[in-house]
Amino acid sequence: MSALDLHRHRWEPATSPGLPTLLLLHGTGGDEHDLVPLAQLLLPGAALLSVRGNVLEQGASRFFRRLAEGVFDLDDLRQRTEELAEFIAAATARYGVAAYSLHAVGFSNGANVAASLMLSRPGVLTGGVLLRAMVPFERDPAPELTGCAVLLSEGRLDPIIAPSEGQRLAGLLRAAGADVELVWQEGGHTLTNGDVTAAQRWLTARARAGTAG
């Protein structure tokens, strides 16, 4: 089995040149098709690499195991993050994605594994839109994330993620050198029009800044 076989995935080639490639990482219960319509709305014409998580929790796909709501199985998280990084390396080579082009768009569990990638495997992602993310773990010493840009979009009324979690993740990423924008939505753990507007603005700015390959 090659590293490209580590994850079921969907590849949508770019229809407009010069845009970042979006790595789509679904929330619990999603699949490789789940975030494609959202991504096509966020950055029309961009190439999309959408990945299905390999862990099943009562039949729902996830990217890593958890012990309880908001309590992660850290050993499994490390293993799954490494597997995802191997898959990304194989997929970007297969589909001709430039290393400086890849930006994650992750929701909930997908946003958490994107944050784990940033903290444990610097350089795999150039940046990302993390929707309803929390701290996956704290790394000491901090990684070197200079040049990585992140949009965090959190819900003030989120029943799963306390506002302090979003603030703590933003602080960890900034301390590692990442350029972080933290925005707040007046909602809970579901996506809002505010998330879409913020992500569209941020990704369009990244494209204009020349982060595509």
Protein backbone atom coordinates (compact mmCIF):
# COMPACT_ATOMS: atom_id res chain seq x y z
CA MET A 1 0.00 0.00 0.00
CA SER A 2 1.32 3.44 -0.90
CA ALA A 3 0.99 6.50 1.31
CA LEU A 4 -1.67 7.78 -1.12
CA ASP A 5 -3.86 4.88 0.04
CA LEU A 6 -3.75 5.94 3.70
CA HIS A 7 -6.91 8.02 3.29
CA ARG A 8 -9.95 7.93 1.08
CA HIS A 9 -10.00 11.27 -0.65
CA ARG A 10 -11.42 13.38 -3.43
CA TRP A 11 -9.31 15.51 -5.74
CA GLU A 12 -10.82 18.42 -7.66
CA PRO A 13 -8.32 20.12 -10.00
CA ALA A 14 -8.19 23.90 -10.13
CA THR A 15 -10.31 25.66 -12.72
CA SER A 16 -8.67 29.03 -12.09
CA PRO A 17 -4.87 29.35 -12.05
CA GLY A 18 -2.84 30.92 -9.27
CA LEU A 19 -5.04 30.07 -6.29
CA PRO A 20 -4.08 28.24 -3.10
CA THR A 21 -4.94 24.55 -2.93
CA LEU A 22 -7.42 23.77 -0.16
CA LEU A 23 -7.05 20.70 2.05
CA LEU A 24 -10.55 19.91 3.32
CA LEU A 25 -10.86 18.22 6.72
CA HIS A 26 -14.41 17.41 7.80
CA GLY A 27 -15.99 17.34 11.23
CA THR A 28 -17.21 14.24 13.06
CA GLY A 29 -19.57 12.28 10.85
CA GLY A 30 -18.47 13.90 7.59
CA ASP A 31 -16.59 12.46 4.65
CA GLU A 32 -14.50 13.53 1.67
CA HIS A 33 -17.53 15.11 0.00
CA ASP A 34 -18.78 17.05 3.02
CA LEU A 35 -16.86 20.34 2.72
CA VAL A 36 -16.54 20.50 -1.08
CA PRO A 37 -19.58 22.78 -1.62
CA LEU A 38 -18.36 25.10 1.15
CA ALA A 39 -14.84 25.25 -0.31
CA GLN A 40 -16.20 26.02 -3.78
CA LEU A 41 -18.03 28.93 -2.22
CA LEU A 42 -15.04 30.14 -0.20
CA LEU A 43 -12.51 30.21 -3.05
CA PRO A 44 -14.11 29.46 -6.43
CA GLY A 45 -11.78 27.78 -8.89
CA ALA A 46 -9.26 26.52 -6.32
CA ALA A 47 -7.97 22.95 -6.40
CA LEU A 48 -9.45 20.84 -3.60
CA LEU A 49 -7.94 17.86 -1.78
CA SER A 50 -10.67 16.54 0.48
CA VAL A 51 -9.84 13.76 2.95
CA ARG A 52 -11.88 11.27 4.95
CA GLY A 53 -10.81 10.49 8.51
CA ASN A 54 -9.94 6.86 9.29
CA VAL A 55 -11.39 6.58 12.80
CA LEU A 56 -14.98 5.45 13.34
CA GLU A 57 -16.87 6.53 16.44
CA GLN A 58 -20.24 4.78 16.52
CA GLY A 59 -20.18 4.76 12.73
CA ALA A 60 -19.13 8.42 12.39
CA SER A 61 -15.83 9.20 10.67
CA ARG A 62 -13.21 11.19 12.58
CA PHE A 63 -9.52 11.96 12.16
CA PHE A 64 -8.49 10.68 15.61
CA ARG A 65 -9.98 9.05 18.69
CA ARG A 66 -11.25 10.84 21.75
CA LEU A 67 -11.77 9.54 25.27
CA ALA A 68 -14.73 11.85 25.96
CA GLU A 69 -16.16 15.08 24.57
CA GLY A 70 -13.19 17.45 24.33
CA VAL A 71 -10.75 14.86 25.73
CA PHE A 72 -8.39 13.56 23.06
CA ASP A 73 -6.55 10.26 22.88
CA LEU A 74 -3.12 11.87 22.47
CA ASP A 75 -1.31 8.71 21.40
CA ASP A 76 -3.85 8.14 18.65
CA LEU A 77 -3.75 11.83 17.72
CA ARG A 78 0.02 11.64 17.22
CA GLN A 79 -0.22 8.48 15.12
CA ARG A 80 -3.08 9.77 12.96
CA THR A 81 -1.40 13.12 12.45
CA GLU A 82 1.74 11.39 11.19
CA GLU A 83 -0.33 9.23 8.84
CA LEU A 84 -2.14 12.29 7.53
CA ALA A 85 1.17 14.07 6.95
CA GLU A 86 2.45 11.05 4.99
CA PHE A 87 -0.71 11.03 2.92
CA ILE A 88 -0.43 14.76 2.22
CA ALA A 89 3.16 14.36 1.03
CA ALA A 90 2.12 11.60 -1.37
CA ALA A 91 -0.99 13.44 -2.57
CA THR A 92 0.74 16.75 -3.20
CA ALA A 93 3.40 14.92 -5.21
CA ARG A 94 0.77 12.97 -7.15
CA TYR A 95 -1.36 15.99 -7.97
CA GLY A 96 1.43 18.52 -8.41
CA VAL A 97 0.61 20.80 -5.48
CA ALA A 98 3.34 23.26 -4.54
CA ALA A 99 4.42 23.05 -0.91
CA TYR A 100 3.70 26.75 -0.31
CA SER A 101 0.19 26.45 -1.77
CA LEU A 102 -1.58 24.10 0.66
CA HIS A 103 -4.08 25.67 3.04
CA ALA A 104 -6.35 23.64 5.31
CA VAL A 105 -10.05 24.31 5.68
CA GLY A 106 -11.10 22.29 8.71
CA PHE A 107 -14.25 22.16 10.79
CA SER A 108 -14.36 20.90 14.40
CA ASN A 109 -12.48 17.56 14.45
CA GLY A 110 -10.95 18.46 11.10
CA ALA A 111 -9.84 21.84 12.43
CA ASN A 112 -8.27 20.11 15.43
CA VAL A 113 -6.24 17.73 13.29
CA ALA A 114 -5.15 20.68 11.14
CA ALA A 115 -3.92 22.41 14.30
CA SER A 116 -2.12 19.20 15.26
CA LEU A 117 -0.41 19.17 11.86
CA MET A 118 0.74 22.75 12.32
CA LEU A 119 2.14 22.09 15.79
CA SER A 120 3.77 18.72 15.11
CA ARG A 121 4.70 18.91 11.42
CA PRO A 122 5.59 22.54 10.57
CA GLY A 123 5.83 23.12 6.84
CA VAL A 124 3.14 20.63 5.81
CA LEU A 125 0.60 23.47 5.72
CA THR A 126 1.23 27.03 4.64
CA GLY A 127 -1.86 28.13 6.51
CA GLY A 128 -5.47 27.35 7.16
CA VAL A 129 -8.98 28.30 8.07
CA LEU A 130 -9.80 26.53 11.33
CA LEU A 131 -13.50 26.61 12.16
CA ARG A 132 -14.41 25.76 15.77
CA ALA A 133 -10.94 24.54 16.71
CA MET A 134 -9.50 23.84 20.14
CA VAL A 135 -5.99 23.14 21.42
CA PRO A 136 -5.01 19.59 20.36
CA PHE A 137 -1.93 19.53 22.60
CA GLU A 138 0.84 21.86 23.76
CA ARG A 139 4.30 21.33 22.35
CA ASP A 140 7.43 22.23 24.30
CA PRO A 141 9.53 23.64 22.81
CA ALA A 142 7.22 25.49 20.46
CA PRO A 143 7.52 24.70 16.75
CA GLU A 144 8.75 27.23 14.20
CA LEU A 145 5.67 28.52 12.36
CA THR A 146 7.01 31.75 10.90
CA GLY A 147 5.35 32.20 7.51
CA CYS A 148 2.27 30.17 8.46
CA ALA A 149 -1.01 32.12 8.48
CA VAL A 150 -4.15 31.00 10.31
CA LEU A 151 -7.74 32.19 10.54
CA LEU A 152 -9.51 30.91 13.64
CA SER A 153 -13.28 31.32 13.66
CA GLU A 154 -14.90 30.45 16.98
CA GLY A 155 -18.43 30.61 18.38
CA ARG A 156 -19.07 32.70 21.47
CA LEU A 157 -21.97 30.41 22.41
CA ASP A 158 -20.27 27.13 21.51
CA PRO A 159 -21.42 24.46 24.01
CA ILE A 160 -18.40 22.25 23.19
CA ILE A 161 -15.50 24.71 23.01
CA ALA A 162 -15.13 27.42 25.63
CA PRO A 163 -14.03 30.84 24.31
CA SER A 164 -10.84 30.47 26.33
CA GLU A 165 -9.87 27.48 24.15
CA GLY A 166 -9.92 29.54 20.97
CA GLN A 167 -7.91 32.26 22.67
CA ARG A 168 -5.40 29.71 23.98
CA LEU A 169 -4.93 28.15 20.54
CA ALA A 170 -4.42 31.57 18.99
CA GLY A 171 -1.81 32.32 21.64
CA LEU A 172 0.06 29.04 21.07
CA LEU A 173 0.20 29.57 17.32
CA ARG A 174 1.30 33.19 17.67
CA ALA A 175 4.01 32.21 20.15
CA ALA A 176 5.32 29.81 17.50
CA GLY A 177 5.53 32.64 14.98
CA ALA A 178 2.30 32.14 13.02
CA ASP A 179 0.27 35.09 11.74
CA VAL A 180 -3.08 34.47 13.44
CA GLU A 181 -6.43 36.20 13.05
CA LEU A 182 -9.08 35.21 15.59
CA VAL A 183 -12.69 36.08 14.77
CA TRP A 184 -15.82 35.42 16.78
CA GLN A 185 -19.27 34.39 15.61
CA GLU A 186 -22.43 34.99 17.62
CA GLY A 187 -23.36 31.33 17.49
CA GLY A 188 -22.53 27.85 18.68
CA HIS A 189 -20.77 24.86 17.15
CA THR A 190 -22.50 25.06 13.77
CA LEU A 191 -21.22 27.20 10.91
CA THR A 192 -22.73 30.62 10.25
CA ASN A 193 -22.79 33.15 7.45
CA GLY A 194 -20.16 35.02 9.44
CA ASP A 195 -17.80 32.05 9.14
CA VAL A 196 -18.29 32.00 5.38
CA THR A 197 -17.75 35.74 5.00
CA ALA A 198 -14.61 35.74 7.15
CA ALA A 199 -13.13 32.73 5.37
CA GLN A 200 -13.89 34.15 1.91
CA ARG A 201 -12.20 37.43 2.81
CA TRP A 202 -9.17 35.73 4.35
CA LEU A 203 -8.60 33.20 1.57
CA THR A 204 -9.04 35.84 -1.14
CA ALA A 205 -6.42 37.98 0.59
CA ARG A 206 -4.07 35.00 0.77
CA ALA A 207 -4.54 34.36 -2.94
CA ARG A 208 -3.79 37.99 -3.75
CA ALA A 209 -0.69 37.81 -1.57
CA GLY A 210 0.70 35.17 -3.90
CA THR A 211 0.60 32.06 -1.70
CA ALA A 212 -0.56 29.79 -4.53
CA GLY A 213 1.42 27.36 -6.59
